[in-house]
Amino acid sequence: MRIHRGKMGLAVLFIFLIMISAPLYAQTADRLEALLDKKVISWSEAAVFVLEISEAEVFYADNYDAFSFALEQKWLPKNAVPSDAAQLNGIALLLMQSFDLKGGIFYTIAKSPHHAYRELVYRGIIRGNTDPNITVSGQDLLLFIGRILSVKESEEAL
């Protein structure tokens, strides 16, 4: 069997790209695993992860830069401290803002954690019987993000 140069070049390029990208996949997998293992995430950890997933047009060097950006944009509660445990209602605000989700009239006017929480409960992203002041685990955060991405995808399909 004869292999043409064009096909051989494509095969070499494909193998080269796989070799280069393998460490990136390993890094992402390690970060996801570390996030899943967190029983309670901090505001800075939540900010950096949500901003990366939502593809917000932001450059940040570390978790503190992502936290600072989110706080300046009013995407986090006013009293949030980078190392403090993230609470569900504040995470709801971060998710609503970073994914640019539209809300009802009260959310549109106030843009508060309470109204963001209520909006995500209404949309079925957060279960309605959940206390808005509980801390959020890494697994919870990934679950909420997955639900938001699913909702956004189905809205775009319409």
C-alpha atoms as a PDB file:
ATOM      1  CA  MET A   1       0.000   0.000   0.000  1.00  0.00           C
ATOM      2  CA  ARG A   2       1.345   3.372  -0.997  1.00  0.00           C
ATOM      3  CA  ILE A   3       0.942   6.459   1.184  1.00  0.00           C
ATOM      4  CA  HIS A   4       0.818   9.772  -0.606  1.00  0.00           C
ATOM      5  CA  ARG A   5       2.940  12.610   0.709  1.00  0.00           C
ATOM      6  CA  GLY A   6      -0.113  14.744   1.412  1.00  0.00           C
ATOM      7  CA  LYS A   7      -1.695  12.069   3.581  1.00  0.00           C
ATOM      8  CA  MET A   8       1.614  11.364   5.304  1.00  0.00           C
ATOM      9  CA  GLY A   9       2.046  15.062   6.084  1.00  0.00           C
ATOM     10  CA  LEU A  10      -1.451  15.242   7.525  1.00  0.00           C
ATOM     11  CA  ALA A  11      -0.817  12.188   9.680  1.00  0.00           C
ATOM     12  CA  VAL A  12       2.441  13.655  11.027  1.00  0.00           C
ATOM     13  CA  LEU A  13       0.738  17.000  11.689  1.00  0.00           C
ATOM     14  CA  PHE A  14      -2.133  15.258  13.489  1.00  0.00           C
ATOM     15  CA  ILE A  15       0.249  13.259  15.696  1.00  0.00           C
ATOM     16  CA  PHE A  16       2.273  16.400  16.429  1.00  0.00           C
ATOM     17  CA  LEU A  17      -0.852  18.323  17.477  1.00  0.00           C
ATOM     18  CA  ILE A  18      -1.946  15.486  19.768  1.00  0.00           C
ATOM     19  CA  MET A  19       1.488  15.422  21.424  1.00  0.00           C
ATOM     20  CA  ILE A  20       1.431  19.174  22.004  1.00  0.00           C
ATOM     21  CA  SER A  21      -2.129  19.283  23.335  1.00  0.00           C
ATOM     22  CA  ALA A  22      -1.821  16.295  25.706  1.00  0.00           C
ATOM     23  CA  PRO A  23      -0.382  18.382  28.588  1.00  0.00           C
ATOM     24  CA  LEU A  24      -3.227  20.901  28.187  1.00  0.00           C
ATOM     25  CA  TYR A  25      -5.833  18.155  28.570  1.00  0.00           C
ATOM     26  CA  ALA A  26      -3.974  16.797  31.607  1.00  0.00           C
ATOM     27  CA  GLN A  27      -3.905  20.272  33.178  1.00  0.00           C
ATOM     28  CA  THR A  28      -7.619  20.768  32.593  1.00  0.00           C
ATOM     29  CA  ALA A  29      -8.424  17.317  33.951  1.00  0.00           C
ATOM     30  CA  ASP A  30      -6.302  17.981  37.051  1.00  0.00           C
ATOM     31  CA  ARG A  31      -8.063  21.309  37.654  1.00  0.00           C
ATOM     32  CA  LEU A  32     -11.500  19.727  37.232  1.00  0.00           C
ATOM     33  CA  GLU A  33     -10.594  16.911  39.591  1.00  0.00           C
ATOM     34  CA  ALA A  34      -9.303  19.380  42.193  1.00  0.00           C
ATOM     35  CA  LEU A  35     -12.521  21.386  41.886  1.00  0.00           C
ATOM     36  CA  LEU A  36     -14.670  18.270  42.238  1.00  0.00           C
ATOM     37  CA  ASP A  37     -12.797  17.323  45.422  1.00  0.00           C
ATOM     38  CA  LYS A  38     -13.511  20.690  47.082  1.00  0.00           C
ATOM     39  CA  LYS A  39     -16.235  20.422  49.716  1.00  0.00           C
ATOM     40  CA  VAL A  40     -16.398  24.227  49.916  1.00  0.00           C
ATOM     41  CA  ILE A  41     -15.051  26.608  47.289  1.00  0.00           C
ATOM     42  CA  SER A  42     -13.854  30.133  47.919  1.00  0.00           C
ATOM     43  CA  TRP A  43     -15.077  33.223  46.116  1.00  0.00           C
ATOM     44  CA  SER A  44     -11.779  33.524  44.228  1.00  0.00           C
ATOM     45  CA  GLU A  45     -11.860  29.877  43.091  1.00  0.00           C
ATOM     46  CA  ALA A  46     -15.452  30.267  41.942  1.00  0.00           C
ATOM     47  CA  ALA A  47     -14.687  33.516  40.112  1.00  0.00           C
ATOM     48  CA  VAL A  48     -11.735  32.177  38.145  1.00  0.00           C
ATOM     49  CA  PHE A  49     -13.516  28.976  37.135  1.00  0.00           C
ATOM     50  CA  VAL A  50     -16.799  30.617  36.125  1.00  0.00           C
ATOM     51  CA  LEU A  51     -15.005  33.363  34.181  1.00  0.00           C
ATOM     52  CA  GLU A  52     -12.990  30.773  32.257  1.00  0.00           C
ATOM     53  CA  ILE A  53     -16.021  28.642  31.424  1.00  0.00           C
ATOM     54  CA  SER A  54     -18.228  31.581  30.486  1.00  0.00           C
ATOM     55  CA  GLU A  55     -15.459  32.845  28.209  1.00  0.00           C
ATOM     56  CA  ALA A  56     -15.716  36.342  29.629  1.00  0.00           C
ATOM     57  CA  GLU A  57     -13.344  38.650  27.776  1.00  0.00           C
ATOM     58  CA  VAL A  58     -11.039  39.026  30.760  1.00  0.00           C
ATOM     59  CA  PHE A  59      -7.318  38.646  31.316  1.00  0.00           C
ATOM     60  CA  TYR A  60      -6.291  37.675  34.801  1.00  0.00           C
ATOM     61  CA  ALA A  61      -3.007  36.402  36.141  1.00  0.00           C
ATOM     62  CA  ASP A  62      -4.408  34.485  39.104  1.00  0.00           C
ATOM     63  CA  ASN A  63      -7.485  33.792  41.206  1.00  0.00           C
ATOM     64  CA  TYR A  64      -7.252  37.164  42.936  1.00  0.00           C
ATOM     65  CA  ASP A  65      -7.336  39.041  39.608  1.00  0.00           C
ATOM     66  CA  ALA A  66     -10.444  37.115  38.532  1.00  0.00           C
ATOM     67  CA  PHE A  67     -12.049  37.794  41.904  1.00  0.00           C
ATOM     68  CA  SER A  68     -11.192  41.503  41.674  1.00  0.00           C
ATOM     69  CA  PHE A  69     -12.654  41.752  38.186  1.00  0.00           C
ATOM     70  CA  ALA A  70     -15.884  40.011  39.220  1.00  0.00           C
ATOM     71  CA  LEU A  71     -16.189  42.233  42.298  1.00  0.00           C
ATOM     72  CA  GLU A  72     -15.605  45.422  40.280  1.00  0.00           C
ATOM     73  CA  GLN A  73     -18.249  44.365  37.764  1.00  0.00           C
ATOM     74  CA  LYS A  74     -20.684  43.738  40.670  1.00  0.00           C
ATOM     75  CA  TRP A  75     -20.892  40.074  39.735  1.00  0.00           C
ATOM     76  CA  LEU A  76     -20.247  39.095  43.367  1.00  0.00           C
ATOM     77  CA  PRO A  77     -21.877  40.198  46.620  1.00  0.00           C
ATOM     78  CA  LYS A  78     -20.428  43.436  48.009  1.00  0.00           C
ATOM     79  CA  ASN A  79     -19.165  41.733  51.161  1.00  0.00           C
ATOM     80  CA  ALA A  80     -17.364  38.861  49.375  1.00  0.00           C
ATOM     81  CA  VAL A  81     -13.778  38.189  50.502  1.00  0.00           C
ATOM     82  CA  PRO A  82     -11.518  36.121  48.190  1.00  0.00           C
ATOM     83  CA  SER A  83     -10.735  33.373  50.719  1.00  0.00           C
ATOM     84  CA  ASP A  84     -14.229  33.127  52.258  1.00  0.00           C
ATOM     85  CA  ALA A  85     -16.560  30.275  51.438  1.00  0.00           C
ATOM     86  CA  ALA A  86     -18.826  31.046  48.493  1.00  0.00           C
ATOM     87  CA  GLN A  87     -22.545  31.050  49.218  1.00  0.00           C
ATOM     88  CA  LEU A  88     -25.225  29.856  46.836  1.00  0.00           C
ATOM     89  CA  ASN A  89     -27.019  33.167  46.343  1.00  0.00           C
ATOM     90  CA  GLY A  90     -23.739  34.929  45.472  1.00  0.00           C
ATOM     91  CA  ILE A  91     -22.782  32.116  43.100  1.00  0.00           C
ATOM     92  CA  ALA A  92     -26.172  32.573  41.443  1.00  0.00           C
ATOM     93  CA  LEU A  93     -25.354  36.244  40.843  1.00  0.00           C
ATOM     94  CA  LEU A  94     -21.916  35.351  39.439  1.00  0.00           C
ATOM     95  CA  LEU A  95     -23.458  32.792  37.094  1.00  0.00           C
ATOM     96  CA  MET A  96     -26.263  35.082  35.922  1.00  0.00           C
ATOM     97  CA  GLN A  97     -23.865  37.942  35.202  1.00  0.00           C
ATOM     98  CA  SER A  98     -20.942  36.045  33.684  1.00  0.00           C
ATOM     99  CA  PHE A  99     -23.161  33.982  31.381  1.00  0.00           C
ATOM    100  CA  ASP A 100     -25.202  37.112  30.566  1.00  0.00           C
ATOM    101  CA  LEU A 101     -28.498  35.489  31.471  1.00  0.00           C
ATOM    102  CA  LYS A 102     -31.586  37.655  31.298  1.00  0.00           C
ATOM    103  CA  GLY A 103     -33.882  37.645  34.287  1.00  0.00           C
ATOM    104  CA  GLY A 104     -37.295  38.775  35.375  1.00  0.00           C
ATOM    105  CA  ILE A 105     -38.233  42.336  36.255  1.00  0.00           C
ATOM    106  CA  PHE A 106     -36.964  42.196  39.855  1.00  0.00           C
ATOM    107  CA  TYR A 107     -33.597  40.763  38.820  1.00  0.00           C
ATOM    108  CA  THR A 108     -33.305  43.292  35.991  1.00  0.00           C
ATOM    109  CA  ILE A 109     -33.900  46.190  38.388  1.00  0.00           C
ATOM    110  CA  ALA A 110     -31.927  45.029  41.433  1.00  0.00           C
ATOM    111  CA  LYS A 111     -29.282  42.589  40.105  1.00  0.00           C
ATOM    112  CA  SER A 112     -29.020  41.257  43.655  1.00  0.00           C
ATOM    113  CA  PRO A 113     -27.888  37.814  44.833  1.00  0.00           C
ATOM    114  CA  HIS A 114     -31.392  37.148  46.165  1.00  0.00           C
ATOM    115  CA  HIS A 115     -33.087  37.827  42.832  1.00  0.00           C
ATOM    116  CA  ALA A 116     -30.387  35.928  40.906  1.00  0.00           C
ATOM    117  CA  TYR A 117     -30.975  32.936  43.187  1.00  0.00           C
ATOM    118  CA  ARG A 118     -34.750  33.159  42.646  1.00  0.00           C
ATOM    119  CA  GLU A 119     -34.252  33.391  38.867  1.00  0.00           C
ATOM    120  CA  LEU A 120     -32.053  30.272  38.764  1.00  0.00           C
ATOM    121  CA  VAL A 121     -34.582  28.406  40.928  1.00  0.00           C
ATOM    122  CA  TYR A 122     -37.323  29.438  38.507  1.00  0.00           C
ATOM    123  CA  ARG A 123     -35.267  28.185  35.557  1.00  0.00           C
ATOM    124  CA  GLY A 124     -34.606  24.849  37.291  1.00  0.00           C
ATOM    125  CA  ILE A 125     -30.847  25.349  37.496  1.00  0.00           C
ATOM    126  CA  ILE A 126     -30.971  25.403  41.304  1.00  0.00           C
ATOM    127  CA  ARG A 127     -33.418  23.220  43.207  1.00  0.00           C
ATOM    128  CA  GLY A 128     -36.121  25.265  44.902  1.00  0.00           C
ATOM    129  CA  ASN A 129     -35.759  23.660  48.324  1.00  0.00           C
ATOM    130  CA  THR A 130     -32.113  24.758  48.718  1.00  0.00           C
ATOM    131  CA  ASP A 131     -31.094  27.335  51.317  1.00  0.00           C
ATOM    132  CA  PRO A 132     -29.638  30.371  49.472  1.00  0.00           C
ATOM    133  CA  ASN A 133     -27.047  30.910  52.223  1.00  0.00           C
ATOM    134  CA  ILE A 134     -25.406  27.475  52.115  1.00  0.00           C
ATOM    135  CA  THR A 135     -21.824  27.104  50.972  1.00  0.00           C
ATOM    136  CA  VAL A 136     -21.167  25.688  47.519  1.00  0.00           C
ATOM    137  CA  SER A 137     -18.963  22.705  46.705  1.00  0.00           C
ATOM    138  CA  GLY A 138     -16.966  22.294  43.525  1.00  0.00           C
ATOM    139  CA  GLN A 139     -19.342  19.562  42.423  1.00  0.00           C
ATOM    140  CA  ASP A 140     -22.340  21.880  42.923  1.00  0.00           C
ATOM    141  CA  LEU A 141     -20.673  24.620  40.887  1.00  0.00           C
ATOM    142  CA  LEU A 142     -19.986  22.256  37.986  1.00  0.00           C
ATOM    143  CA  LEU A 143     -23.570  20.986  38.142  1.00  0.00           C
ATOM    144  CA  PHE A 144     -24.964  24.536  37.926  1.00  0.00           C
ATOM    145  CA  ILE A 145     -22.632  25.423  35.055  1.00  0.00           C
ATOM    146  CA  GLY A 146     -23.649  22.279  33.182  1.00  0.00           C
ATOM    147  CA  ARG A 147     -27.322  23.121  33.588  1.00  0.00           C
ATOM    148  CA  ILE A 148     -26.761  26.705  32.418  1.00  0.00           C
ATOM    149  CA  LEU A 149     -24.854  25.558  29.344  1.00  0.00           C
ATOM    150  CA  SER A 150     -27.647  23.094  28.568  1.00  0.00           C
ATOM    151  CA  VAL A 151     -30.308  25.812  28.886  1.00  0.00           C
ATOM    152  CA  LYS A 152     -28.305  28.255  26.754  1.00  0.00           C
ATOM    153  CA  GLU A 153     -27.790  25.589  24.082  1.00  0.00           C
ATOM    154  CA  SER A 154     -31.485  24.781  23.912  1.00  0.00           C
ATOM    155  CA  GLU A 155     -32.373  28.513  23.760  1.00  0.00           C
ATOM    156  CA  GLU A 156     -29.939  29.007  20.872  1.00  0.00           C
ATOM    157  CA  ALA A 157     -31.464  26.062  19.007  1.00  0.00           C
ATOM    158  CA  LEU A 158     -34.849  27.807  18.929  1.00  0.00           C
END
